[in-house]
C-alpha atoms as a PDB file:
ATOM      1  CA  UNK A   1      -9.892 -41.906 106.107  1.00  0.00           C
ATOM      2  CA  UNK A   2     -12.428 -40.170 103.920  1.00  0.00           C
ATOM      3  CA  UNK A   3     -12.204 -36.548 102.870  1.00  0.00           C
ATOM      4  CA  UNK A   4     -15.327 -34.441 102.464  1.00  0.00           C
ATOM      5  CA  UNK A   5     -15.604 -31.011 100.889  1.00  0.00           C
ATOM      6  CA  UNK A   6     -18.425 -29.002 102.471  1.00  0.00           C
ATOM      7  CA  UNK A   7     -19.685 -26.299 100.126  1.00  0.00           C
ATOM      8  CA  UNK A   8     -21.769 -23.479 101.630  1.00  0.00           C
ATOM      9  CA  UNK A   9     -22.515 -20.572  99.254  1.00  0.00           C
ATOM     10  CA  UNK A  10     -23.124 -17.479 101.398  1.00  0.00           C
ATOM     11  CA  UNK A  11     -25.098 -14.383 100.442  1.00  0.00           C
ATOM     12  CA  UNK A  12     -24.314 -11.495 102.815  1.00  0.00           C
ATOM     13  CA  UNK A  13     -24.281 -13.552 106.039  1.00  0.00           C
ATOM     14  CA  UNK A  14     -25.302 -16.785 107.757  1.00  0.00           C
ATOM     15  CA  UNK A  15     -28.571 -16.237 109.676  1.00  0.00           C
ATOM     16  CA  UNK A  16     -28.298 -16.826 113.404  1.00  0.00           C
ATOM     17  CA  UNK A  17     -31.194 -19.302 113.300  1.00  0.00           C
ATOM     18  CA  UNK A  18     -29.208 -21.783 111.198  1.00  0.00           C
ATOM     19  CA  UNK A  19     -25.681 -21.220 112.530  1.00  0.00           C
ATOM     20  CA  UNK A  20     -25.896 -23.888 115.302  1.00  0.00           C
ATOM     21  CA  UNK A  21     -27.151 -26.430 112.753  1.00  0.00           C
ATOM     22  CA  UNK A  22     -24.338 -25.699 110.296  1.00  0.00           C
ATOM     23  CA  UNK A  23     -21.694 -25.770 113.029  1.00  0.00           C
ATOM     24  CA  UNK A  24     -22.991 -29.133 114.275  1.00  0.00           C
ATOM     25  CA  UNK A  25     -22.928 -30.620 110.747  1.00  0.00           C
ATOM     26  CA  UNK A  26     -19.341 -29.509 110.186  1.00  0.00           C
ATOM     27  CA  UNK A  27     -18.379 -31.045 113.544  1.00  0.00           C
ATOM     28  CA  UNK A  28     -20.119 -34.338 112.727  1.00  0.00           C
ATOM     29  CA  UNK A  29     -18.374 -34.618 109.368  1.00  0.00           C
ATOM     30  CA  UNK A  30     -14.959 -33.713 110.827  1.00  0.00           C
ATOM     31  CA  UNK A  31     -15.215 -36.541 113.367  1.00  0.00           C
ATOM     32  CA  UNK A  32     -15.445 -39.032 110.498  1.00  0.00           C
ATOM     33  CA  UNK A  33     -12.575 -37.747 108.344  1.00  0.00           C
ATOM     34  CA  UNK A  34     -10.861 -34.712 106.868  1.00  0.00           C
ATOM     35  CA  UNK A  35     -12.951 -31.675 105.927  1.00  0.00           C
ATOM     36  CA  UNK A  36     -12.353 -29.052 103.252  1.00  0.00           C
ATOM     37  CA  UNK A  37     -14.668 -26.092 103.845  1.00  0.00           C
ATOM     38  CA  UNK A  38     -15.478 -23.940 100.801  1.00  0.00           C
ATOM     39  CA  UNK A  39     -17.807 -20.961 101.335  1.00  0.00           C
ATOM     40  CA  UNK A  40     -17.852 -18.400  98.492  1.00  0.00           C
ATOM     41  CA  UNK A  41     -19.273 -15.053  99.614  1.00  0.00           C
ATOM     42  CA  UNK A  42     -21.636 -12.931  97.493  1.00  0.00           C
ATOM     43  CA  UNK A  43     -20.936 -14.655  94.174  1.00  0.00           C
ATOM     44  CA  UNK A  44     -23.570 -14.268  91.458  1.00  0.00           C
ATOM     45  CA  UNK A  45     -25.343 -15.683  89.500  1.00  0.00           C
ATOM     46  CA  UNK A  46     -26.031 -18.771  91.585  1.00  0.00           C
ATOM     47  CA  UNK A  47     -24.227 -21.170  89.264  1.00  0.00           C
ATOM     48  CA  UNK A  48     -20.931 -19.342  89.859  1.00  0.00           C
ATOM     49  CA  UNK A  49     -20.407 -20.233  93.566  1.00  0.00           C
ATOM     50  CA  UNK A  50     -21.572 -23.790  92.914  1.00  0.00           C
ATOM     51  CA  UNK A  51     -18.957 -24.265  90.187  1.00  0.00           C
ATOM     52  CA  UNK A  52     -16.254 -22.673  92.346  1.00  0.00           C
ATOM     53  CA  UNK A  53     -17.078 -25.172  95.095  1.00  0.00           C
ATOM     54  CA  UNK A  54     -16.971 -28.107  92.656  1.00  0.00           C
ATOM     55  CA  UNK A  55     -13.555 -27.051  91.330  1.00  0.00           C
ATOM     56  CA  UNK A  56     -12.113 -26.708  94.852  1.00  0.00           C
ATOM     57  CA  UNK A  57     -13.575 -30.079  95.867  1.00  0.00           C
ATOM     58  CA  UNK A  58     -12.121 -31.871  92.843  1.00  0.00           C
ATOM     59  CA  UNK A  59      -8.730 -30.173  93.277  1.00  0.00           C
ATOM     60  CA  UNK A  60      -8.625 -31.296  96.918  1.00  0.00           C
ATOM     61  CA  UNK A  61      -9.149 -34.972  95.925  1.00  0.00           C
ATOM     62  CA  UNK A  62     -12.156 -35.167  98.241  1.00  0.00           C
ATOM     63  CA  UNK A  63     -14.256 -38.327  98.264  1.00  0.00           C
ATOM     64  CA  UNK A  64     -17.536 -36.475  98.794  1.00  0.00           C
ATOM     65  CA  UNK A  65     -18.961 -33.028  98.197  1.00  0.00           C
ATOM     66  CA  UNK A  66     -21.625 -31.991 100.696  1.00  0.00           C
ATOM     67  CA  UNK A  67     -23.627 -29.005  99.437  1.00  0.00           C
ATOM     68  CA  UNK A  68     -25.446 -27.073 102.166  1.00  0.00           C
ATOM     69  CA  UNK A  69     -27.253 -23.774 101.639  1.00  0.00           C
ATOM     70  CA  UNK A  70     -26.721 -21.101 104.277  1.00  0.00           C
ATOM     71  CA  UNK A  71     -30.474 -20.832 105.033  1.00  0.00           C
ATOM     72  CA  UNK A  72     -30.962 -24.531 105.820  1.00  0.00           C
ATOM     73  CA  UNK A  73     -31.473 -26.292 109.146  1.00  0.00           C
ATOM     74  CA  UNK A  74     -29.832 -29.699 108.745  1.00  0.00           C
ATOM     75  CA  UNK A  75     -30.862 -32.465 111.195  1.00  0.00           C
ATOM     76  CA  UNK A  76     -28.326 -34.267 113.323  1.00  0.00           C
ATOM     77  CA  UNK A  77     -26.863 -37.350 111.623  1.00  0.00           C
ATOM     78  CA  UNK A  78     -27.772 -36.133 108.128  1.00  0.00           C
ATOM     79  CA  UNK A  79     -24.308 -36.696 106.670  1.00  0.00           C
ATOM     80  CA  UNK A  80     -24.132 -40.307 107.817  1.00  0.00           C
ATOM     81  CA  UNK A  81     -27.621 -41.024 106.487  1.00  0.00           C
ATOM     82  CA  UNK A  82     -26.882 -39.458 103.088  1.00  0.00           C
ATOM     83  CA  UNK A  83     -23.625 -41.385 102.932  1.00  0.00           C
ATOM     84  CA  UNK A  84     -25.506 -44.631 103.557  1.00  0.00           C
ATOM     85  CA  UNK A  85     -27.606 -43.828 100.510  1.00  0.00           C
ATOM     86  CA  UNK A  86     -24.462 -43.744  98.392  1.00  0.00           C
ATOM     87  CA  UNK A  87     -22.814 -46.794  99.966  1.00  0.00           C
ATOM     88  CA  UNK A  88     -25.885 -49.007 100.500  1.00  0.00           C
ATOM     89  CA  UNK A  89     -28.421 -47.657  97.985  1.00  0.00           C
ATOM     90  CA  UNK A  90     -28.342 -47.809  94.206  1.00  0.00           C
ATOM     91  CA  UNK A  91     -24.705 -48.354  93.073  1.00  0.00           C
ATOM     92  CA  UNK A  92     -25.351 -45.814  90.305  1.00  0.00           C
ATOM     93  CA  UNK A  93     -26.179 -43.069  92.816  1.00  0.00           C
ATOM     94  CA  UNK A  94     -24.157 -39.945  92.085  1.00  0.00           C
ATOM     95  CA  UNK A  95     -26.043 -37.846  94.643  1.00  0.00           C
ATOM     96  CA  UNK A  96     -28.352 -38.233  97.649  1.00  0.00           C
ATOM     97  CA  UNK A  97     -30.553 -35.343  98.743  1.00  0.00           C
ATOM     98  CA  UNK A  98     -32.233 -34.463 102.004  1.00  0.00           C
ATOM     99  CA  UNK A  99     -35.890 -33.468 101.843  1.00  0.00           C
ATOM    100  CA  UNK A 100     -36.916 -29.823 102.115  1.00  0.00           C
ATOM    101  CA  UNK A 101     -39.485 -27.406 100.722  1.00  0.00           C
ATOM    102  CA  UNK A 102     -39.148 -24.365  98.506  1.00  0.00           C
ATOM    103  CA  UNK A 103     -38.879 -20.989 100.215  1.00  0.00           C
ATOM    104  CA  UNK A 104     -42.107 -19.313  99.123  1.00  0.00           C
ATOM    105  CA  UNK A 105     -45.687 -20.191  98.280  1.00  0.00           C
ATOM    106  CA  UNK A 106     -46.804 -22.916  97.650  1.00  0.00           C
ATOM    107  CA  UNK A 107     -43.821 -24.270  99.640  1.00  0.00           C
ATOM    108  CA  UNK A 108     -43.506 -27.166  97.209  1.00  0.00           C
ATOM    109  CA  UNK A 109     -41.164 -30.116  97.453  1.00  0.00           C
ATOM    110  CA  UNK A 110     -37.717 -29.662  95.910  1.00  0.00           C
ATOM    111  CA  UNK A 111     -37.761 -33.317  94.831  1.00  0.00           C
ATOM    112  CA  UNK A 112     -39.123 -33.889  91.335  1.00  0.00           C
ATOM    113  CA  UNK A 113     -39.752 -36.697  88.863  1.00  0.00           C
ATOM    114  CA  UNK A 114     -40.115 -36.362  85.111  1.00  0.00           C
ATOM    115  CA  UNK A 115     -43.156 -37.731  83.297  1.00  0.00           C
ATOM    116  CA  UNK A 116     -42.606 -36.947  79.640  1.00  0.00           C
ATOM    117  CA  UNK A 117     -42.376 -33.150  79.531  1.00  0.00           C
ATOM    118  CA  UNK A 118     -44.237 -32.816  82.832  1.00  0.00           C
ATOM    119  CA  UNK A 119     -42.375 -32.096  86.081  1.00  0.00           C
ATOM    120  CA  UNK A 120     -43.988 -33.740  89.101  1.00  0.00           C
ATOM    121  CA  UNK A 121     -43.276 -32.690  92.662  1.00  0.00           C
ATOM    122  CA  UNK A 122     -42.403 -35.659  94.874  1.00  0.00           C
ATOM    123  CA  UNK A 123     -43.232 -36.077  98.554  1.00  0.00           C
ATOM    124  CA  UNK A 124     -41.374 -38.687 100.635  1.00  0.00           C
ATOM    125  CA  UNK A 125     -43.350 -41.955 100.552  1.00  0.00           C
ATOM    126  CA  UNK A 126     -44.914 -42.633 103.937  1.00  0.00           C
ATOM    127  CA  UNK A 127     -45.419 -46.387 103.444  1.00  0.00           C
ATOM    128  CA  UNK A 128     -42.293 -47.205 101.427  1.00  0.00           C
ATOM    129  CA  UNK A 129     -39.785 -49.033 103.668  1.00  0.00           C
ATOM    130  CA  UNK A 130     -36.944 -47.976 101.382  1.00  0.00           C
ATOM    131  CA  UNK A 131     -35.098 -45.054 102.974  1.00  0.00           C
ATOM    132  CA  UNK A 132     -33.598 -43.958  99.658  1.00  0.00           C
ATOM    133  CA  UNK A 133     -36.187 -43.038  97.063  1.00  0.00           C
ATOM    134  CA  UNK A 134     -35.315 -42.550  93.354  1.00  0.00           C
ATOM    135  CA  UNK A 135     -35.944 -39.016  92.064  1.00  0.00           C
ATOM    136  CA  UNK A 136     -34.967 -37.206  88.875  1.00  0.00           C
ATOM    137  CA  UNK A 137     -33.971 -33.833  90.300  1.00  0.00           C
ATOM    138  CA  UNK A 138     -33.491 -31.980  93.580  1.00  0.00           C
ATOM    139  CA  UNK A 139     -32.153 -28.761  95.027  1.00  0.00           C
ATOM    140  CA  UNK A 140     -28.634 -28.486  96.394  1.00  0.00           C
ATOM    141  CA  UNK A 141     -29.689 -27.165  99.809  1.00  0.00           C
ATOM    142  CA  UNK A 142     -28.734 -30.485 101.443  1.00  0.00           C
ATOM    143  CA  UNK A 143     -27.133 -32.823  98.937  1.00  0.00           C
ATOM    144  CA  UNK A 144     -24.210 -35.233  99.159  1.00  0.00           C
ATOM    145  CA  UNK A 145     -22.345 -36.022  95.922  1.00  0.00           C
ATOM    146  CA  UNK A 146     -20.031 -38.998  95.447  1.00  0.00           C
ATOM    147  CA  UNK A 147     -17.078 -37.429  93.646  1.00  0.00           C
ATOM    148  CA  UNK A 148     -15.636 -40.795  92.645  1.00  0.00           C
ATOM    149  CA  UNK A 149     -18.754 -41.558  90.595  1.00  0.00           C
ATOM    150  CA  UNK A 150     -19.609 -38.016  89.525  1.00  0.00           C
ATOM    151  CA  UNK A 151     -16.086 -37.118  88.430  1.00  0.00           C
ATOM    152  CA  UNK A 152     -16.935 -38.337  84.914  1.00  0.00           C
ATOM    153  CA  UNK A 153     -19.391 -35.426  84.469  1.00  0.00           C
ATOM    154  CA  UNK A 154     -17.800 -32.709  82.299  1.00  0.00           C
ATOM    155  CA  UNK A 155     -17.354 -29.255  83.826  1.00  0.00           C
ATOM    156  CA  UNK A 156     -19.120 -26.941  84.465  1.00  0.00           C
ATOM    157  CA  UNK A 157     -21.617 -28.873  86.551  1.00  0.00           C
ATOM    158  CA  UNK A 158     -23.966 -25.952  87.137  1.00  0.00           C
ATOM    159  CA  UNK A 159     -25.500 -23.523  84.695  1.00  0.00           C
ATOM    160  CA  UNK A 160     -28.467 -21.164  84.945  1.00  0.00           C
ATOM    161  CA  UNK A 161     -30.555 -21.343  81.762  1.00  0.00           C
ATOM    162  CA  UNK A 162     -33.321 -19.217  80.277  1.00  0.00           C
ATOM    163  CA  UNK A 163     -36.310 -21.379  79.305  1.00  0.00           C
ATOM    164  CA  UNK A 164     -39.418 -19.663  77.883  1.00  0.00           C
ATOM    165  CA  UNK A 165     -38.396 -16.391  79.485  1.00  0.00           C
ATOM    166  CA  UNK A 166     -37.826 -17.935  82.917  1.00  0.00           C
ATOM    167  CA  UNK A 167     -34.551 -18.786  84.598  1.00  0.00           C
ATOM    168  CA  UNK A 168     -34.187 -22.489  85.298  1.00  0.00           C
ATOM    169  CA  UNK A 169     -32.310 -23.390  88.464  1.00  0.00           C
ATOM    170  CA  UNK A 170     -28.648 -24.290  88.178  1.00  0.00           C
ATOM    171  CA  UNK A 171     -29.360 -27.411  90.218  1.00  0.00           C
ATOM    172  CA  UNK A 172     -31.736 -28.723  87.511  1.00  0.00           C
ATOM    173  CA  UNK A 173     -28.889 -28.493  84.997  1.00  0.00           C
ATOM    174  CA  UNK A 174     -26.620 -30.563  87.256  1.00  0.00           C
ATOM    175  CA  UNK A 175     -29.311 -33.201  87.748  1.00  0.00           C
ATOM    176  CA  UNK A 176     -29.767 -33.511  83.989  1.00  0.00           C
ATOM    177  CA  UNK A 177     -26.016 -34.089  83.621  1.00  0.00           C
ATOM    178  CA  UNK A 178     -26.198 -36.847  86.227  1.00  0.00           C
ATOM    179  CA  UNK A 179     -28.877 -38.642  84.222  1.00  0.00           C
ATOM    180  CA  UNK A 180     -27.033 -38.119  80.919  1.00  0.00           C
ATOM    181  CA  UNK A 181     -23.900 -39.712  82.388  1.00  0.00           C
ATOM    182  CA  UNK A 182     -25.624 -42.856  83.645  1.00  0.00           C
ATOM    183  CA  UNK A 183     -26.121 -41.777  87.229  1.00  0.00           C
ATOM    184  CA  UNK A 184     -29.162 -41.611  89.479  1.00  0.00           C
ATOM    185  CA  UNK A 185     -30.267 -39.311  92.292  1.00  0.00           C
ATOM    186  CA  UNK A 186     -31.775 -40.582  95.522  1.00  0.00           C
ATOM    187  CA  UNK A 187     -33.930 -38.817  98.074  1.00  0.00           C
ATOM    188  CA  UNK A 188     -33.159 -39.704 101.697  1.00  0.00           C
ATOM    189  CA  UNK A 189     -36.592 -39.945 103.302  1.00  0.00           C
ATOM    190  CA  UNK A 190     -35.174 -39.815 106.852  1.00  0.00           C
ATOM    191  CA  UNK A 191     -33.350 -36.497 106.329  1.00  0.00           C
ATOM    192  CA  UNK A 192     -36.001 -33.794 106.715  1.00  0.00           C
ATOM    193  CA  UNK A 193     -34.598 -30.253 106.717  1.00  0.00           C
ATOM    194  CA  UNK A 194     -35.955 -26.831 107.608  1.00  0.00           C
ATOM    195  CA  UNK A 195     -35.741 -23.959 105.108  1.00  0.00           C
ATOM    196  CA  UNK A 196     -35.577 -20.469 106.616  1.00  0.00           C
ATOM    197  CA  UNK A 197     -38.419 -18.233 105.396  1.00  0.00           C
ATOM    198  CA  UNK A 198     -39.096 -14.760 106.811  1.00  0.00           C
ATOM    199  CA  UNK A 199     -37.237 -15.959 109.915  1.00  0.00           C
ATOM    200  CA  UNK A 200     -39.503 -19.024 110.045  1.00  0.00           C
ATOM    201  CA  UNK A 201     -38.497 -22.561 109.162  1.00  0.00           C
ATOM    202  CA  UNK A 202     -40.696 -24.272 106.586  1.00  0.00           C
ATOM    203  CA  UNK A 203     -41.041 -27.929 107.476  1.00  0.00           C
ATOM    204  CA  UNK A 204     -43.362 -30.693 106.233  1.00  0.00           C
ATOM    205  CA  UNK A 205     -45.212 -30.368 109.549  1.00  0.00           C
ATOM    206  CA  UNK A 206     -46.101 -26.661 109.219  1.00  0.00           C
ATOM    207  CA  UNK A 207     -46.354 -26.298 105.431  1.00  0.00           C
ATOM    208  CA  UNK A 208     -50.136 -26.782 105.308  1.00  0.00           C
ATOM    209  CA  UNK A 209     -50.805 -24.049 107.852  1.00  0.00           C
ATOM    210  CA  UNK A 210     -48.446 -21.675 106.020  1.00  0.00           C
ATOM    211  CA  UNK A 211     -50.297 -22.303 102.749  1.00  0.00           C
ATOM    212  CA  UNK A 212     -53.617 -21.524 104.440  1.00  0.00           C
ATOM    213  CA  UNK A 213     -52.176 -18.370 106.008  1.00  0.00           C
ATOM    214  CA  UNK A 214     -50.879 -17.235 102.613  1.00  0.00           C
ATOM    215  CA  UNK A 215     -54.270 -17.711 100.937  1.00  0.00           C
ATOM    216  CA  UNK A 216     -56.124 -15.902 103.770  1.00  0.00           C
ATOM    217  CA  UNK A 217     -53.738 -12.945 103.608  1.00  0.00           C
ATOM    218  CA  UNK A 218     -54.139 -12.810  99.823  1.00  0.00           C
ATOM    219  CA  UNK A 219     -57.945 -12.610 100.154  1.00  0.00           C
ATOM    220  CA  UNK A 220     -57.654  -9.805 102.714  1.00  0.00           C
ATOM    221  CA  UNK A 221     -55.343  -7.832 100.391  1.00  0.00           C
ATOM    222  CA  UNK A 222     -57.757  -8.198  97.477  1.00  0.00           C
END
C-alpha cells in the first residue's frame, strides 16, 4: 500500500470555493493508500512552509508528496493521472504538475521551458498525443513528487532568492535542483486546474476574456 503526504500551505483560511475540491482530493488519495496531511498555517516566507512539508513527508517515509495550494480547484482524478505520469512517463520524472495559470494579469501559464537565459511560458500542446509533456519548471499549486527518486536532492528543497531586485519563486529553486540532480519535470496535459482570483477561478477557457477585461479597465482608469 502506498503512502502519500499531502502538503497544503494555508494563509489565514481555506476559501469556501475550493474546500469541496480539496476535500474530494484528500478522499480520492485516501482510498488508494495511507495519507499524511501536512498543512502549515501562516508560515512566511513561502519557502518555509514548503520545507516544513518536505521534512514531514520524508520523516513519514511517504512514497509521494502531493503539493496543493489552498486557492486551487483540483479536478477529480488528478492524483491518479499525476501518478501515471511518474509510473508510465519518463523514468527520470521527479515531479508531475497539473496545468494552471498565474493569479494576476496576464494570467500566464505556470509551466515554463528554458531557452538559454530566456524563460518561455508553455501552454499544453493541443495536438500532442503524449499526456505528459516535458517542462523545465512549474508552480507547486498542483504537483506530485516521487519521494523515492527525489530523495537524493539535498535539503532544503525550497528557497526564495533575490535576482536583480526581484524575488524569484521558491518553486523555481526546487525545479532547478531537480534538473541538477538528473531529474525531469512533466506537465500532465489532462489535469487542468482552476486558480482562485478575486473569488473567480482562472481557467484556460476564461483567461482570454479576463485579459481583455483587464486591458479595458486599465484604459478607463487612465
